[in-house]
Amino acid sequence: MRILVAEDDAPLADFLRQRLVQEQFFVVQLASDGIEAQRLAANQAFDLVILDLDLPGTAGLDVLRNIPLPKAGPAGDGGNGLFPGGRTGPRAGRGRG
């Protein structure tokens, strides 16, 4: 499984990478800003994206809008994502306001 972790908090990104690699079947790539995350996602297919919504360079939601979606998986969805550091609850994923 290929995973992209886009997180500008270096200790958190490293912790996530270490934990995922410990599972022994994950290939983890790190991006420390939105520009790098977009570049990596444009050049490689990822099974999972762990995306900080408050990335420098390009905001996480803009990265999400611009990365290519994988073809539908067995569940019929277009891929998987987790959003550390982002908003949660009923307003998650919506603009500020």
N, C-alpha and C. Protein backbone atom coordinates (compact mmCIF):
# COMPACT_ATOMS: atom_id res chain seq x y z
N MET A 1 0.85 -1.17 0.00
CA MET A 1 0.00 0.00 0.00
C MET A 1 0.90 1.24 0.00
N ARG A 2 0.63 2.16 -0.90
CA ARG A 2 1.40 3.41 -1.00
C ARG A 2 0.62 4.52 -0.28
N ILE A 3 1.32 5.23 0.62
CA ILE A 3 0.68 6.27 1.42
C ILE A 3 1.47 7.56 1.28
N LEU A 4 0.74 8.65 1.07
CA LEU A 4 1.33 9.99 1.07
C LEU A 4 0.91 10.67 2.36
N VAL A 5 1.90 11.12 3.14
CA VAL A 5 1.65 11.89 4.35
C VAL A 5 2.08 13.32 4.06
N ALA A 6 1.11 14.22 4.01
CA ALA A 6 1.38 15.64 3.76
C ALA A 6 1.15 16.37 5.08
N GLU A 7 2.24 16.69 5.76
CA GLU A 7 2.18 17.28 7.10
C GLU A 7 3.41 18.14 7.31
N ASP A 8 3.20 19.42 7.70
CA ASP A 8 4.32 20.32 7.90
C ASP A 8 4.91 20.25 9.30
N ASP A 9 4.25 19.59 10.22
CA ASP A 9 4.79 19.38 11.56
C ASP A 9 5.73 18.17 11.47
N ALA A 10 7.04 18.44 11.40
CA ALA A 10 8.03 17.39 11.14
C ALA A 10 7.99 16.25 12.17
N PRO A 11 7.89 16.53 13.48
CA PRO A 11 7.82 15.41 14.43
C PRO A 11 6.57 14.53 14.21
N LEU A 12 5.44 15.14 13.92
CA LEU A 12 4.23 14.38 13.67
C LEU A 12 4.36 13.56 12.38
N ALA A 13 4.89 14.17 11.33
CA ALA A 13 5.07 13.46 10.06
C ALA A 13 6.00 12.27 10.25
N ASP A 14 7.08 12.47 10.98
CA ASP A 14 8.03 11.38 11.21
C ASP A 14 7.40 10.27 12.05
N PHE A 15 6.63 10.65 13.06
CA PHE A 15 5.93 9.66 13.88
C PHE A 15 4.98 8.83 13.01
N LEU A 16 4.18 9.49 12.18
CA LEU A 16 3.25 8.77 11.30
C LEU A 16 4.00 7.82 10.37
N ARG A 17 5.08 8.32 9.78
CA ARG A 17 5.88 7.49 8.87
C ARG A 17 6.42 6.25 9.59
N GLN A 18 7.00 6.48 10.76
CA GLN A 18 7.57 5.35 11.51
C GLN A 18 6.51 4.32 11.87
N ARG A 19 5.37 4.77 12.32
CA ARG A 19 4.31 3.83 12.71
C ARG A 19 3.78 3.05 11.51
N LEU A 20 3.63 3.72 10.39
CA LEU A 20 3.12 3.05 9.19
C LEU A 20 4.14 2.06 8.64
N VAL A 21 5.40 2.43 8.66
CA VAL A 21 6.46 1.54 8.17
C VAL A 21 6.59 0.32 9.08
N GLN A 22 6.35 0.49 10.38
CA GLN A 22 6.42 -0.64 11.30
C GLN A 22 5.45 -1.75 10.91
N GLU A 23 4.40 -1.40 10.22
CA GLU A 23 3.42 -2.41 9.79
C GLU A 23 3.99 -3.28 8.67
N GLN A 24 5.12 -2.91 8.10
CA GLN A 24 5.91 -3.68 7.15
C GLN A 24 5.29 -3.84 5.77
N PHE A 25 4.14 -3.26 5.51
CA PHE A 25 3.61 -3.38 4.17
C PHE A 25 3.23 -2.03 3.58
N PHE A 26 3.67 -0.97 4.20
CA PHE A 26 3.38 0.36 3.72
C PHE A 26 4.61 1.01 3.13
N VAL A 27 4.45 1.66 1.99
CA VAL A 27 5.47 2.53 1.42
C VAL A 27 4.97 3.94 1.68
N VAL A 28 5.73 4.71 2.45
CA VAL A 28 5.28 6.02 2.91
C VAL A 28 6.16 7.10 2.30
N GLN A 29 5.54 8.10 1.69
CA GLN A 29 6.25 9.28 1.19
C GLN A 29 5.76 10.48 1.99
N LEU A 30 6.70 11.36 2.35
CA LEU A 30 6.37 12.55 3.13
C LEU A 30 6.43 13.79 2.24
N ALA A 31 5.52 14.70 2.49
CA ALA A 31 5.53 16.03 1.87
C ALA A 31 5.35 17.04 2.99
N SER A 32 6.19 18.07 3.03
CA SER A 32 6.12 19.04 4.12
C SER A 32 5.32 20.29 3.76
N ASP A 33 4.87 20.39 2.51
CA ASP A 33 4.02 21.52 2.12
C ASP A 33 3.10 21.08 0.99
N GLY A 34 2.13 21.93 0.70
CA GLY A 34 1.13 21.60 -0.31
C GLY A 34 1.68 21.48 -1.72
N ILE A 35 2.69 22.26 -2.03
CA ILE A 35 3.28 22.20 -3.38
C ILE A 35 3.94 20.84 -3.60
N GLU A 36 4.69 20.39 -2.61
CA GLU A 36 5.35 19.09 -2.72
C GLU A 36 4.32 17.96 -2.76
N ALA A 37 3.25 18.08 -1.95
CA ALA A 37 2.20 17.05 -1.94
C ALA A 37 1.54 16.93 -3.32
N GLN A 38 1.25 18.08 -3.94
CA GLN A 38 0.65 18.05 -5.28
C GLN A 38 1.59 17.43 -6.30
N ARG A 39 2.88 17.77 -6.21
CA ARG A 39 3.86 17.22 -7.16
C ARG A 39 3.95 15.71 -7.02
N LEU A 40 4.04 15.22 -5.79
CA LEU A 40 4.13 13.78 -5.56
C LEU A 40 2.87 13.06 -6.05
N ALA A 41 1.71 13.63 -5.72
CA ALA A 41 0.45 12.99 -6.10
C ALA A 41 0.22 13.01 -7.61
N ALA A 42 0.77 14.00 -8.29
CA ALA A 42 0.63 14.06 -9.74
C ALA A 42 1.50 13.03 -10.45
N ASN A 43 2.59 12.61 -9.80
CA ASN A 43 3.55 11.71 -10.42
C ASN A 43 3.44 10.26 -9.98
N GLN A 44 2.65 9.99 -8.93
CA GLN A 44 2.52 8.63 -8.40
C GLN A 44 1.10 8.40 -7.94
N ALA A 45 0.67 7.16 -7.97
CA ALA A 45 -0.64 6.80 -7.43
C ALA A 45 -0.47 6.40 -5.97
N PHE A 46 -1.33 6.90 -5.11
CA PHE A 46 -1.32 6.57 -3.70
C PHE A 46 -2.64 5.92 -3.33
N ASP A 47 -2.58 4.94 -2.44
CA ASP A 47 -3.78 4.26 -1.95
C ASP A 47 -4.45 5.05 -0.84
N LEU A 48 -3.64 5.84 -0.13
CA LEU A 48 -4.15 6.62 0.99
C LEU A 48 -3.36 7.92 1.06
N VAL A 49 -4.06 9.02 1.32
CA VAL A 49 -3.42 10.31 1.53
C VAL A 49 -3.81 10.79 2.92
N ILE A 50 -2.80 11.05 3.75
CA ILE A 50 -3.01 11.66 5.06
C ILE A 50 -2.60 13.11 4.89
N LEU A 51 -3.57 14.00 4.94
CA LEU A 51 -3.38 15.38 4.49
C LEU A 51 -3.71 16.38 5.58
N ASP A 52 -2.74 17.19 5.94
CA ASP A 52 -2.95 18.32 6.85
C ASP A 52 -3.67 19.41 6.06
N LEU A 53 -4.79 19.89 6.55
CA LEU A 53 -5.54 20.91 5.82
C LEU A 53 -4.89 22.28 5.88
N ASP A 54 -3.98 22.50 6.83
CA ASP A 54 -3.34 23.81 7.00
C ASP A 54 -1.88 23.79 6.55
N LEU A 55 -1.62 23.21 5.39
CA LEU A 55 -0.26 23.14 4.86
C LEU A 55 0.22 24.49 4.35
N PRO A 56 1.51 24.78 4.48
CA PRO A 56 2.05 25.98 3.83
C PRO A 56 2.19 25.74 2.33
N GLY A 57 2.32 26.82 1.59
CA GLY A 57 2.51 26.72 0.13
C GLY A 57 1.20 26.65 -0.61
N THR A 58 0.48 25.58 -0.43
CA THR A 58 -0.84 25.39 -1.00
C THR A 58 -1.69 24.75 0.09
N ALA A 59 -2.83 25.33 0.37
CA ALA A 59 -3.69 24.81 1.44
C ALA A 59 -4.11 23.38 1.15
N GLY A 60 -4.32 22.61 2.21
CA GLY A 60 -4.67 21.20 2.08
C GLY A 60 -5.90 20.95 1.22
N LEU A 61 -6.94 21.79 1.36
CA LEU A 61 -8.14 21.58 0.54
C LEU A 61 -7.84 21.82 -0.94
N ASP A 62 -6.96 22.76 -1.24
CA ASP A 62 -6.57 22.98 -2.63
C ASP A 62 -5.77 21.79 -3.16
N VAL A 63 -4.92 21.22 -2.33
CA VAL A 63 -4.19 20.02 -2.72
C VAL A 63 -5.19 18.91 -3.04
N LEU A 64 -6.16 18.74 -2.15
CA LEU A 64 -7.16 17.70 -2.33
C LEU A 64 -7.93 17.88 -3.63
N ARG A 65 -8.27 19.10 -3.95
CA ARG A 65 -9.01 19.38 -5.20
C ARG A 65 -8.18 19.08 -6.44
N ASN A 66 -6.86 19.17 -6.33
CA ASN A 66 -5.99 19.07 -7.50
C ASN A 66 -5.29 17.73 -7.68
N ILE A 67 -5.37 16.84 -6.70
CA ILE A 67 -4.69 15.56 -6.90
C ILE A 67 -5.62 14.62 -7.66
N PRO A 68 -5.04 13.82 -8.54
CA PRO A 68 -5.87 12.89 -9.31
C PRO A 68 -6.47 11.82 -8.39
N LEU A 69 -7.75 11.53 -8.60
CA LEU A 69 -8.40 10.50 -7.81
C LEU A 69 -8.17 9.14 -8.43
N PRO A 70 -7.93 8.13 -7.58
CA PRO A 70 -7.77 6.78 -8.13
C PRO A 70 -9.10 6.25 -8.64
N LYS A 71 -9.04 5.22 -9.44
CA LYS A 71 -10.26 4.57 -9.89
C LYS A 71 -10.97 3.98 -8.68
N ALA A 72 -12.24 3.75 -8.82
CA ALA A 72 -13.04 3.22 -7.71
C ALA A 72 -12.45 1.92 -7.19
N GLY A 73 -12.37 1.81 -5.88
CA GLY A 73 -11.88 0.60 -5.24
C GLY A 73 -13.00 -0.39 -5.01
N PRO A 74 -12.73 -1.44 -4.25
CA PRO A 74 -13.73 -2.48 -4.02
C PRO A 74 -14.98 -1.95 -3.34
N ALA A 75 -14.83 -0.89 -2.54
CA ALA A 75 -15.99 -0.33 -1.85
C ALA A 75 -16.77 0.62 -2.75
N GLY A 76 -16.28 0.84 -3.98
CA GLY A 76 -16.96 1.74 -4.90
C GLY A 76 -16.63 3.20 -4.69
N ASP A 77 -15.66 3.48 -3.82
CA ASP A 77 -15.28 4.86 -3.58
C ASP A 77 -14.10 5.25 -4.44
N GLY A 78 -13.69 6.49 -4.37
CA GLY A 78 -12.60 6.96 -5.19
C GLY A 78 -11.28 7.06 -4.47
N GLY A 79 -11.13 6.44 -3.32
CA GLY A 79 -9.88 6.52 -2.59
C GLY A 79 -10.13 6.84 -1.13
N ASN A 80 -9.05 6.99 -0.39
CA ASN A 80 -9.15 7.19 1.05
C ASN A 80 -8.29 8.37 1.47
N GLY A 81 -8.73 9.08 2.49
CA GLY A 81 -7.94 10.19 3.02
C GLY A 81 -8.23 10.42 4.49
N LEU A 82 -7.21 10.87 5.20
CA LEU A 82 -7.32 11.29 6.59
C LEU A 82 -6.80 12.71 6.66
N PHE A 83 -7.35 13.52 7.56
CA PHE A 83 -7.01 14.94 7.60
C PHE A 83 -6.57 15.38 8.99
N PRO A 84 -5.31 15.09 9.40
CA PRO A 84 -4.86 15.53 10.72
C PRO A 84 -4.75 17.05 10.78
N GLY A 85 -5.07 17.60 11.92
CA GLY A 85 -4.93 19.03 12.11
C GLY A 85 -6.05 19.83 11.46
N GLY A 86 -6.97 19.17 10.83
CA GLY A 86 -8.07 19.85 10.16
C GLY A 86 -9.26 19.98 11.08
N ARG A 87 -10.26 20.66 10.58
CA ARG A 87 -11.49 20.83 11.34
C ARG A 87 -12.25 19.51 11.36
N THR A 88 -13.01 19.29 12.41
CA THR A 88 -13.85 18.11 12.51
C THR A 88 -15.27 18.53 12.80
N GLY A 89 -16.17 17.61 12.72
CA GLY A 89 -17.57 17.90 13.02
C GLY A 89 -18.34 18.28 11.78
N PRO A 90 -19.55 18.82 11.98
CA PRO A 90 -20.44 19.06 10.84
C PRO A 90 -19.91 20.09 9.84
N ARG A 91 -18.98 20.96 10.24
CA ARG A 91 -18.47 21.96 9.32
C ARG A 91 -17.13 21.55 8.68
N ALA A 92 -16.68 20.33 8.95
CA ALA A 92 -15.40 19.86 8.41
C ALA A 92 -15.43 19.91 6.90
N GLY A 93 -14.35 20.41 6.32
CA GLY A 93 -14.24 20.47 4.87
C GLY A 93 -14.91 21.66 4.24
N ARG A 94 -15.59 22.48 5.03
CA ARG A 94 -16.23 23.68 4.50
C ARG A 94 -15.33 24.88 4.72
N GLY A 95 -15.56 25.91 3.94
CA GLY A 95 -14.77 27.13 4.10
C GLY A 95 -15.01 27.78 5.44
N ARG A 96 -14.11 28.65 5.80
CA ARG A 96 -14.26 29.37 7.07
C ARG A 96 -15.40 30.36 6.94
N GLY A 97 -16.06 30.59 8.07
CA GLY A 97 -17.12 31.59 8.01
C GLY A 97 -18.25 31.35 8.90
